[in-house]
Amino acid sequence: MADPIVFNGGVRGNWKVTRQQSVEGSGLADVAFVDRGTAADAAAAWTLSGVTSNLRYTNAAEKKILDATPSVLAKPGATRGALIPITKSAAWWGMAQDERRAVLEDRSQHIAIGSDYLSVVSRQLVHCRDQEGAQFDFLTWFEFAPENEARFDDLLAKLRATPEWGYIEREVELRLEKVS
């Protein structure tokens, strides 16, 4: 199993929170910093954790595109970030995997949309749905340079306008700036 990826929200961390909002459903306690690491911090207002996993909905052609433009975290100049925890509805999880794939890609073009931004937005999907006590299904982590923030906003707007987002029941967005 992969090592856990842990996000602690509190009064210290390696990323300063510049904006925090509940997009859908309940939010998280407001915090000044997010620390991205591998261990929980007992002093944190909240801790979210999960693991990276295999590609669950990606076909061979899409994997080839993703492999051609790898998502590399901590690129020089990538001093902006976002942590977006997401929970999908029981209706989503009640569908068979091929039905979820049809909504995700055939109807929503999620992978295709994201692929258009791979050169300027690094991303990591952290799975937590199957962990005991998990507050969210996924923790989506993004890093980008300040000059690419408008492109990141465009990516989010396109994804949130898709049929897939009709299955989101909880989404929190934290915008971040790397602490030097």
Protein backbone atom coordinates (compact mmCIF):
# COMPACT_ATOMS: atom_id res chain seq x y z
CA MET A 1 0.00 0.00 0.00
CA ALA A 2 1.14 3.54 -0.74
CA ASP A 3 2.33 5.81 2.05
CA PRO A 4 -0.34 8.16 3.34
CA ILE A 5 -0.51 11.76 2.24
CA VAL A 6 -1.66 13.96 5.09
CA PHE A 7 -3.00 17.51 5.07
CA ASN A 8 -3.09 19.30 8.42
CA GLY A 9 -5.02 22.56 8.65
CA GLY A 10 -3.97 24.87 11.46
CA VAL A 11 -1.74 27.71 12.58
CA ARG A 12 1.42 26.44 10.88
CA GLY A 13 2.33 24.71 7.68
CA ASN A 14 4.18 24.88 4.39
CA TRP A 15 1.25 26.52 2.54
CA LYS A 16 -0.53 29.75 3.62
CA VAL A 17 -4.29 29.79 3.05
CA THR A 18 -5.27 32.79 0.92
CA ARG A 19 -8.92 31.80 0.51
CA GLN A 20 -11.15 29.09 1.95
CA GLN A 21 -14.72 28.44 0.89
CA SER A 22 -17.38 25.78 0.93
CA VAL A 23 -18.44 25.19 -2.68
CA GLU A 24 -21.07 22.54 -1.85
CA GLY A 25 -22.20 21.24 1.52
CA SER A 26 -20.48 21.90 4.82
CA GLY A 27 -17.03 23.44 4.99
CA LEU A 28 -14.02 22.85 7.18
CA ALA A 29 -12.88 24.89 10.16
CA ASP A 30 -11.12 28.03 8.93
CA VAL A 31 -7.34 27.75 9.14
CA ALA A 32 -4.37 30.00 8.34
CA PHE A 33 -2.06 27.29 7.00
CA VAL A 34 -2.06 23.83 5.46
CA ASP A 35 0.83 21.47 5.96
CA ARG A 36 1.19 18.76 3.33
CA GLY A 37 3.17 15.82 4.64
CA THR A 38 2.96 12.25 5.86
CA ALA A 39 1.95 12.53 9.53
CA ALA A 40 -1.00 13.91 11.45
CA ASP A 41 -0.45 16.93 13.69
CA ALA A 42 -2.32 16.71 17.02
CA ALA A 43 -2.42 20.53 17.20
CA ALA A 44 -4.17 20.84 13.80
CA ALA A 45 -7.77 22.09 13.57
CA TRP A 46 -8.36 19.28 11.07
CA THR A 47 -6.41 16.48 9.42
CA LEU A 48 -7.31 14.89 6.09
CA SER A 49 -5.41 11.89 4.77
CA GLY A 50 -5.49 9.29 2.06
CA VAL A 51 -3.32 7.43 -0.40
CA THR A 52 -2.55 7.59 -4.08
CA SER A 53 -3.90 4.67 -6.04
CA ASN A 54 -4.04 3.09 -9.44
CA LEU A 55 -5.78 4.88 -12.32
CA ARG A 56 -9.40 3.79 -11.88
CA TYR A 57 -11.24 5.28 -14.86
CA THR A 58 -8.45 5.89 -17.36
CA ASN A 59 -8.27 3.91 -20.59
CA ALA A 60 -5.02 3.05 -22.40
CA ALA A 61 -5.18 6.01 -24.81
CA GLU A 62 -5.79 8.45 -21.96
CA LYS A 63 -2.98 6.91 -19.91
CA LYS A 64 -0.62 7.46 -22.84
CA ILE A 65 -1.52 11.18 -22.86
CA LEU A 66 -1.05 11.44 -19.10
CA ASP A 67 2.29 9.63 -19.27
CA ALA A 68 3.49 11.99 -22.02
CA THR A 69 2.98 15.01 -19.75
CA PRO A 70 3.71 13.80 -16.22
CA SER A 71 2.34 15.80 -13.32
CA VAL A 72 5.38 16.80 -11.30
CA LEU A 73 4.78 18.43 -7.94
CA ALA A 74 7.14 21.08 -6.51
CA LYS A 75 8.11 22.47 -9.91
CA PRO A 76 10.23 25.62 -9.67
CA GLY A 77 7.91 28.63 -9.69
CA ALA A 78 4.83 26.62 -8.66
CA THR A 79 4.17 28.71 -5.57
CA ARG A 80 0.37 28.63 -5.72
CA GLY A 81 -1.79 25.68 -4.89
CA ALA A 82 -5.23 24.40 -4.08
CA LEU A 83 -6.55 21.65 -1.87
CA ILE A 84 -10.06 20.62 -2.89
CA PRO A 85 -11.61 17.81 -0.83
CA ILE A 86 -14.65 16.24 -2.52
CA THR A 87 -17.39 13.82 -1.55
CA LYS A 88 -19.68 12.28 -4.16
CA SER A 89 -23.26 11.20 -3.53
CA ALA A 90 -24.65 7.75 -2.77
CA ALA A 91 -26.16 7.82 -6.28
CA TRP A 92 -22.63 8.05 -7.71
CA TRP A 93 -21.31 5.18 -5.65
CA GLY A 94 -24.45 3.15 -6.39
CA MET A 95 -23.56 3.00 -10.08
CA ALA A 96 -21.36 0.28 -11.54
CA GLN A 97 -17.82 1.35 -12.44
CA ASP A 98 -18.59 1.45 -16.18
CA GLU A 99 -21.59 3.70 -15.49
CA ARG A 100 -19.41 6.07 -13.42
CA ARG A 101 -16.82 6.04 -16.21
CA ALA A 102 -19.55 6.99 -18.70
CA VAL A 103 -20.51 10.03 -16.60
CA LEU A 104 -16.89 10.95 -15.81
CA GLU A 105 -15.51 10.84 -19.32
CA ASP A 106 -18.12 10.08 -21.99
CA ARG A 107 -20.57 12.74 -20.75
CA SER A 108 -18.31 15.07 -18.74
CA GLN A 109 -14.94 14.81 -20.51
CA HIS A 110 -13.17 15.05 -17.13
CA ILE A 111 -9.90 13.48 -18.27
CA ALA A 112 -9.93 15.32 -21.60
CA ILE A 113 -10.55 18.67 -19.88
CA GLY A 114 -7.78 18.06 -17.35
CA SER A 115 -5.35 16.96 -20.05
CA ASP A 116 -5.54 20.43 -21.63
CA TYR A 117 -3.96 21.89 -18.46
CA LEU A 118 -1.26 19.31 -17.69
CA SER A 119 1.56 21.56 -18.87
CA VAL A 120 0.72 24.33 -16.36
CA VAL A 121 -1.15 22.66 -13.49
CA SER A 122 0.35 19.76 -11.55
CA ARG A 123 -2.14 17.57 -9.75
CA GLN A 124 -2.38 14.63 -7.42
CA LEU A 125 -5.50 12.69 -6.55
CA VAL A 126 -5.59 11.24 -3.05
CA HIS A 127 -8.17 8.54 -2.30
CA CYS A 128 -9.70 8.39 1.17
CA ARG A 129 -13.24 7.02 0.73
CA ASP A 130 -12.33 3.57 2.04
CA GLN A 131 -10.47 4.83 5.10
CA GLU A 132 -12.20 4.59 8.45
CA GLY A 133 -13.47 7.98 9.58
CA ALA A 134 -12.76 9.71 6.26
CA GLN A 135 -14.58 13.02 5.84
CA PHE A 136 -14.20 13.04 2.04
CA ASP A 137 -13.92 10.59 -0.86
CA PHE A 138 -11.06 12.40 -2.59
CA LEU A 139 -8.50 15.06 -1.76
CA THR A 140 -7.46 16.83 -4.93
CA TRP A 141 -4.14 18.68 -4.74
CA PHE A 142 -2.96 21.17 -7.35
CA GLU A 143 0.19 23.28 -7.79
CA PHE A 144 0.82 26.00 -10.37
CA ALA A 145 2.77 29.21 -10.98
CA PRO A 146 1.04 32.52 -10.12
CA GLU A 147 0.82 33.42 -13.81
CA ASN A 148 -1.21 30.23 -14.41
CA GLU A 149 -3.87 30.86 -11.75
CA ALA A 150 -6.36 32.10 -14.37
CA ARG A 151 -5.84 28.85 -16.29
CA PHE A 152 -6.48 26.91 -13.08
CA ASP A 153 -9.69 28.92 -12.54
CA ASP A 154 -10.72 28.03 -16.09
CA LEU A 155 -10.06 24.34 -15.41
CA LEU A 156 -12.25 24.41 -12.30
CA ALA A 157 -15.06 26.26 -14.09
CA LYS A 158 -15.09 23.72 -16.92
CA LEU A 159 -15.12 20.73 -14.56
CA ARG A 160 -17.81 22.21 -12.32
CA ALA A 161 -20.06 22.77 -15.35
CA THR A 162 -20.11 19.05 -16.25
CA PRO A 163 -22.77 16.40 -15.50
CA GLU A 164 -20.27 14.73 -13.14
CA TRP A 165 -20.53 17.69 -10.75
CA GLY A 166 -24.22 16.93 -10.27
CA TYR A 167 -23.00 14.05 -8.09
CA ILE A 168 -20.88 16.24 -5.78
CA GLU A 169 -22.47 16.61 -2.37
CA ARG A 170 -19.55 18.21 -0.54
CA GLU A 171 -16.69 20.28 -1.93
CA VAL A 172 -14.35 22.66 -0.12
CA GLU A 173 -11.78 24.83 -1.88
CA LEU A 174 -8.66 26.13 -0.18
CA ARG A 175 -6.39 28.40 -2.21
CA LEU A 176 -2.81 28.41 -1.05
CA GLU A 177 0.52 30.16 -1.40
CA LYS A 178 3.77 28.34 -0.69
CA VAL A 179 5.64 29.54 2.36
CA SER A 180 9.29 30.25 1.57
